[in-house]
Amino acid sequence: MLNRTRTARAIVDAWARPMPTSTVAPYWETVFAALDHIPDLTTEITRLRAQVARLTRDHADLTAAARATLSAEQDGEGDPLWYVRDALAEQAERGAR
């Protein structure tokens, strides 16, 4: 991604050179500033994508545990909430790593 950002900056810089600086310079500076933010934004998107994946997995695990708890209750198991406690403990352990 960093190479693409550098390439885009070089292209914009080449376009900007032949134009009168007094009229368009502020616009090019805005474009350059936006291009400079791309690496940080890419890092943030990657971090958020991983967080969403983790939260989606946690949600699916808790949903499965809730369903197992309901089935265990109907089947008369002695400790149907074990499934939920186990899923929560596993999530807490993953969060501690």
N, C-alpha and C. Protein backbone atom coordinates (compact mmCIF):
# COMPACT_ATOMS: atom_id res chain seq x y z
N MET A 1 0.83 -1.19 0.00
CA MET A 1 0.00 0.00 0.00
C MET A 1 0.87 1.25 0.00
N LEU A 2 2.00 1.19 0.70
CA LEU A 2 2.88 2.36 0.78
C LEU A 2 3.42 2.72 -0.61
N ASN A 3 3.72 1.71 -1.42
CA ASN A 3 4.21 1.99 -2.78
C ASN A 3 3.14 2.68 -3.62
N ARG A 4 1.89 2.26 -3.46
CA ARG A 4 0.80 2.90 -4.19
C ARG A 4 0.65 4.36 -3.78
N THR A 5 0.81 4.61 -2.49
CA THR A 5 0.71 5.98 -1.99
C THR A 5 1.83 6.84 -2.58
N ARG A 6 3.03 6.29 -2.59
CA ARG A 6 4.16 7.03 -3.17
C ARG A 6 3.94 7.29 -4.66
N THR A 7 3.42 6.28 -5.37
CA THR A 7 3.15 6.43 -6.79
C THR A 7 2.11 7.52 -7.02
N ALA A 8 1.03 7.48 -6.23
CA ALA A 8 -0.02 8.49 -6.37
C ALA A 8 0.54 9.88 -6.09
N ARG A 9 1.37 9.99 -5.09
CA ARG A 9 1.97 11.30 -4.76
C ARG A 9 2.86 11.78 -5.91
N ALA A 10 3.62 10.87 -6.49
CA ALA A 10 4.49 11.25 -7.61
C ALA A 10 3.67 11.71 -8.82
N ILE A 11 2.57 11.03 -9.08
CA ILE A 11 1.70 11.41 -10.20
C ILE A 11 1.10 12.79 -9.97
N VAL A 12 0.57 13.00 -8.77
CA VAL A 12 -0.03 14.30 -8.46
C VAL A 12 1.03 15.39 -8.51
N ASP A 13 2.22 15.09 -8.02
CA ASP A 13 3.31 16.06 -8.05
C ASP A 13 3.67 16.43 -9.49
N ALA A 14 3.70 15.43 -10.37
CA ALA A 14 4.00 15.69 -11.78
C ALA A 14 2.91 16.56 -12.42
N TRP A 15 1.65 16.35 -12.05
CA TRP A 15 0.57 17.18 -12.57
C TRP A 15 0.66 18.61 -12.05
N ALA A 16 1.08 18.72 -10.81
CA ALA A 16 1.08 20.03 -10.17
C ALA A 16 2.20 20.93 -10.69
N ARG A 17 3.31 20.38 -11.09
CA ARG A 17 4.47 21.18 -11.50
C ARG A 17 4.18 22.20 -12.59
N PRO A 18 3.52 21.83 -13.70
CA PRO A 18 3.35 22.82 -14.77
C PRO A 18 2.26 23.87 -14.52
N MET A 19 1.52 23.73 -13.45
CA MET A 19 0.42 24.67 -13.21
C MET A 19 0.91 25.86 -12.39
N PRO A 20 0.25 26.99 -12.55
CA PRO A 20 0.63 28.17 -11.77
C PRO A 20 0.46 27.90 -10.28
N THR A 21 1.50 28.11 -9.54
CA THR A 21 1.47 27.74 -8.12
C THR A 21 0.53 28.60 -7.29
N SER A 22 0.39 29.84 -7.65
CA SER A 22 -0.42 30.72 -6.80
C SER A 22 -1.90 30.33 -6.78
N THR A 23 -2.40 29.82 -7.89
CA THR A 23 -3.84 29.51 -7.93
C THR A 23 -4.17 28.12 -7.43
N VAL A 24 -3.36 27.14 -7.77
CA VAL A 24 -3.73 25.77 -7.44
C VAL A 24 -2.93 25.17 -6.29
N ALA A 25 -1.93 25.85 -5.83
CA ALA A 25 -1.08 25.31 -4.76
C ALA A 25 -1.89 24.86 -3.54
N PRO A 26 -2.85 25.64 -3.06
CA PRO A 26 -3.62 25.18 -1.90
C PRO A 26 -4.36 23.87 -2.15
N TYR A 27 -4.84 23.68 -3.35
CA TYR A 27 -5.56 22.45 -3.68
C TYR A 27 -4.62 21.25 -3.70
N TRP A 28 -3.44 21.45 -4.28
CA TRP A 28 -2.47 20.35 -4.32
C TRP A 28 -2.01 20.00 -2.91
N GLU A 29 -1.83 20.99 -2.08
CA GLU A 29 -1.42 20.72 -0.70
C GLU A 29 -2.48 19.88 0.02
N THR A 30 -3.73 20.15 -0.27
CA THR A 30 -4.81 19.35 0.32
C THR A 30 -4.73 17.91 -0.17
N VAL A 31 -4.48 17.74 -1.46
CA VAL A 31 -4.34 16.39 -2.02
C VAL A 31 -3.14 15.68 -1.40
N PHE A 32 -2.01 16.38 -1.29
CA PHE A 32 -0.81 15.78 -0.70
C PHE A 32 -1.07 15.39 0.76
N ALA A 33 -1.76 16.24 1.49
CA ALA A 33 -2.06 15.93 2.89
C ALA A 33 -2.93 14.67 2.99
N ALA A 34 -3.90 14.56 2.09
CA ALA A 34 -4.76 13.36 2.08
C ALA A 34 -3.94 12.12 1.76
N LEU A 35 -3.04 12.22 0.80
CA LEU A 35 -2.20 11.08 0.45
C LEU A 35 -1.29 10.68 1.61
N ASP A 36 -0.83 11.65 2.36
CA ASP A 36 0.04 11.36 3.50
C ASP A 36 -0.67 10.58 4.60
N HIS A 37 -1.99 10.67 4.66
CA HIS A 37 -2.76 9.96 5.68
C HIS A 37 -3.03 8.50 5.33
N ILE A 38 -2.83 8.11 4.10
CA ILE A 38 -3.19 6.76 3.66
C ILE A 38 -2.49 5.66 4.46
N PRO A 39 -1.19 5.72 4.71
CA PRO A 39 -0.57 4.62 5.49
C PRO A 39 -1.18 4.47 6.89
N ASP A 40 -1.42 5.58 7.58
CA ASP A 40 -2.03 5.49 8.91
C ASP A 40 -3.45 4.94 8.83
N LEU A 41 -4.20 5.37 7.83
CA LEU A 41 -5.57 4.87 7.67
C LEU A 41 -5.58 3.38 7.35
N THR A 42 -4.63 2.94 6.55
CA THR A 42 -4.52 1.52 6.21
C THR A 42 -4.24 0.69 7.46
N THR A 43 -3.35 1.18 8.31
CA THR A 43 -3.04 0.49 9.56
C THR A 43 -4.27 0.41 10.45
N GLU A 44 -5.01 1.50 10.54
CA GLU A 44 -6.22 1.52 11.37
C GLU A 44 -7.28 0.57 10.82
N ILE A 45 -7.45 0.52 9.52
CA ILE A 45 -8.43 -0.38 8.91
C ILE A 45 -8.05 -1.83 9.19
N THR A 46 -6.78 -2.15 9.09
CA THR A 46 -6.33 -3.51 9.38
C THR A 46 -6.62 -3.89 10.83
N ARG A 47 -6.35 -2.97 11.75
CA ARG A 47 -6.61 -3.21 13.17
C ARG A 47 -8.11 -3.41 13.42
N LEU A 48 -8.93 -2.56 12.82
CA LEU A 48 -10.38 -2.65 13.01
C LEU A 48 -10.94 -3.93 12.39
N ARG A 49 -10.40 -4.34 11.26
CA ARG A 49 -10.85 -5.58 10.62
C ARG A 49 -10.60 -6.78 11.54
N ALA A 50 -9.42 -6.81 12.17
CA ALA A 50 -9.10 -7.89 13.10
C ALA A 50 -10.04 -7.85 14.31
N GLN A 51 -10.33 -6.66 14.80
CA GLN A 51 -11.23 -6.52 15.95
C GLN A 51 -12.64 -6.99 15.60
N VAL A 52 -13.13 -6.64 14.43
CA VAL A 52 -14.47 -7.08 14.01
C VAL A 52 -14.50 -8.60 13.88
N ALA A 53 -13.45 -9.19 13.34
CA ALA A 53 -13.39 -10.65 13.21
C ALA A 53 -13.43 -11.31 14.59
N ARG A 54 -12.68 -10.75 15.53
CA ARG A 54 -12.67 -11.29 16.89
C ARG A 54 -14.05 -11.16 17.55
N LEU A 55 -14.68 -10.00 17.40
CA LEU A 55 -16.01 -9.80 17.99
C LEU A 55 -17.06 -10.69 17.34
N THR A 56 -16.96 -10.90 16.04
CA THR A 56 -17.89 -11.78 15.33
C THR A 56 -17.76 -13.21 15.84
N ARG A 57 -16.51 -13.65 16.03
CA ARG A 57 -16.27 -15.00 16.56
C ARG A 57 -16.83 -15.12 17.98
N ASP A 58 -16.57 -14.10 18.81
CA ASP A 58 -17.09 -14.13 20.18
C ASP A 58 -18.61 -14.18 20.20
N HIS A 59 -19.24 -13.41 19.34
CA HIS A 59 -20.70 -13.41 19.25
C HIS A 59 -21.22 -14.78 18.84
N ALA A 60 -20.59 -15.37 17.85
CA ALA A 60 -21.01 -16.70 17.38
C ALA A 60 -20.84 -17.73 18.49
N ASP A 61 -19.73 -17.66 19.24
CA ASP A 61 -19.51 -18.59 20.34
C ASP A 61 -20.57 -18.44 21.43
N LEU A 62 -20.90 -17.20 21.77
CA LEU A 62 -21.92 -16.98 22.80
C LEU A 62 -23.31 -17.41 22.34
N THR A 63 -23.59 -17.19 21.06
CA THR A 63 -24.87 -17.63 20.52
C THR A 63 -24.98 -19.16 20.58
N ALA A 64 -23.90 -19.83 20.19
CA ALA A 64 -23.90 -21.30 20.26
C ALA A 64 -24.04 -21.78 21.70
N ALA A 65 -23.36 -21.10 22.62
CA ALA A 65 -23.45 -21.48 24.03
C ALA A 65 -24.87 -21.28 24.57
N ALA A 66 -25.50 -20.19 24.17
CA ALA A 66 -26.88 -19.94 24.61
C ALA A 66 -27.82 -21.01 24.08
N ARG A 67 -27.65 -21.38 22.83
CA ARG A 67 -28.49 -22.44 22.26
C ARG A 67 -28.25 -23.78 22.95
N ALA A 68 -26.98 -24.06 23.23
CA ALA A 68 -26.66 -25.31 23.93
C ALA A 68 -27.26 -25.31 25.33
N THR A 69 -27.25 -24.14 25.97
CA THR A 69 -27.84 -24.02 27.31
C THR A 69 -29.34 -24.29 27.28
N LEU A 70 -30.02 -23.73 26.29
CA LEU A 70 -31.46 -23.96 26.16
C LEU A 70 -31.77 -25.43 25.90
N SER A 71 -30.99 -26.05 25.05
CA SER A 71 -31.19 -27.49 24.78
C SER A 71 -30.90 -28.32 26.02
N ALA A 72 -29.84 -27.96 26.73
CA ALA A 72 -29.49 -28.71 27.95
C ALA A 72 -30.58 -28.58 29.00
N GLU A 73 -31.17 -27.40 29.09
CA GLU A 73 -32.28 -27.19 30.03
C GLU A 73 -33.47 -28.07 29.67
N GLN A 74 -33.78 -28.12 28.38
CA GLN A 74 -34.91 -28.97 27.93
C GLN A 74 -34.63 -30.45 28.17
N ASP A 75 -33.35 -30.83 28.04
CA ASP A 75 -32.97 -32.24 28.24
C ASP A 75 -32.82 -32.59 29.71
N GLY A 76 -32.93 -31.59 30.58
CA GLY A 76 -32.85 -31.84 32.02
C GLY A 76 -31.43 -32.02 32.55
N GLU A 77 -30.44 -31.50 31.85
CA GLU A 77 -29.06 -31.60 32.34
C GLU A 77 -28.94 -30.86 33.67
N GLY A 78 -28.00 -31.32 34.50
CA GLY A 78 -27.85 -30.76 35.83
C GLY A 78 -27.33 -29.33 35.87
N ASP A 79 -26.49 -28.97 34.92
CA ASP A 79 -25.90 -27.63 34.92
C ASP A 79 -25.93 -27.06 33.50
N PRO A 80 -27.11 -26.67 33.03
CA PRO A 80 -27.20 -26.20 31.64
C PRO A 80 -26.41 -24.91 31.38
N LEU A 81 -26.20 -24.09 32.40
CA LEU A 81 -25.47 -22.83 32.19
C LEU A 81 -23.96 -23.04 32.03
N TRP A 82 -23.50 -24.27 32.18
CA TRP A 82 -22.08 -24.56 32.01
C TRP A 82 -21.59 -24.08 30.64
N TYR A 83 -22.40 -24.24 29.62
CA TYR A 83 -22.00 -23.86 28.26
C TYR A 83 -21.70 -22.36 28.17
N VAL A 84 -22.54 -21.56 28.79
CA VAL A 84 -22.34 -20.11 28.76
C VAL A 84 -21.11 -19.75 29.58
N ARG A 85 -20.98 -20.32 30.78
CA ARG A 85 -19.81 -20.03 31.62
C ARG A 85 -18.52 -20.41 30.90
N ASP A 86 -18.53 -21.55 30.23
CA ASP A 86 -17.34 -22.00 29.51
C ASP A 86 -16.98 -21.03 28.37
N ALA A 87 -17.98 -20.60 27.62
CA ALA A 87 -17.73 -19.66 26.51
C ALA A 87 -17.20 -18.33 27.04
N LEU A 88 -17.77 -17.85 28.14
CA LEU A 88 -17.30 -16.58 28.73
C LEU A 88 -15.88 -16.71 29.27
N ALA A 89 -15.59 -17.84 29.90
CA ALA A 89 -14.23 -18.06 30.43
C ALA A 89 -13.22 -18.13 29.29
N GLU A 90 -13.59 -18.76 28.20
CA GLU A 90 -12.70 -18.85 27.04
C GLU A 90 -12.43 -17.47 26.45
N GLN A 91 -13.46 -16.66 26.36
CA GLN A 91 -13.30 -15.30 25.84
C GLN A 91 -12.42 -14.46 26.77
N ALA A 92 -12.61 -14.63 28.07
CA ALA A 92 -11.79 -13.90 29.03
C ALA A 92 -10.32 -14.33 28.91
N GLU A 93 -10.09 -15.60 28.70
CA GLU A 93 -8.73 -16.09 28.54
C GLU A 93 -8.09 -15.56 27.27
N ARG A 94 -8.85 -15.52 26.18
CA ARG A 94 -8.33 -14.96 24.92
C ARG A 94 -8.02 -13.48 25.07
N GLY A 95 -8.87 -12.77 25.82
CA GLY A 95 -8.64 -11.34 26.03
C GLY A 95 -7.42 -11.06 26.88
N ALA A 96 -7.04 -11.99 27.74
CA ALA A 96 -5.89 -11.82 28.62
C ALA A 96 -4.57 -12.04 27.88
N ARG A 97 -4.62 -12.70 26.74
CA ARG A 97 -3.39 -12.97 25.99
C ARG A 97 -2.89 -11.77 25.30
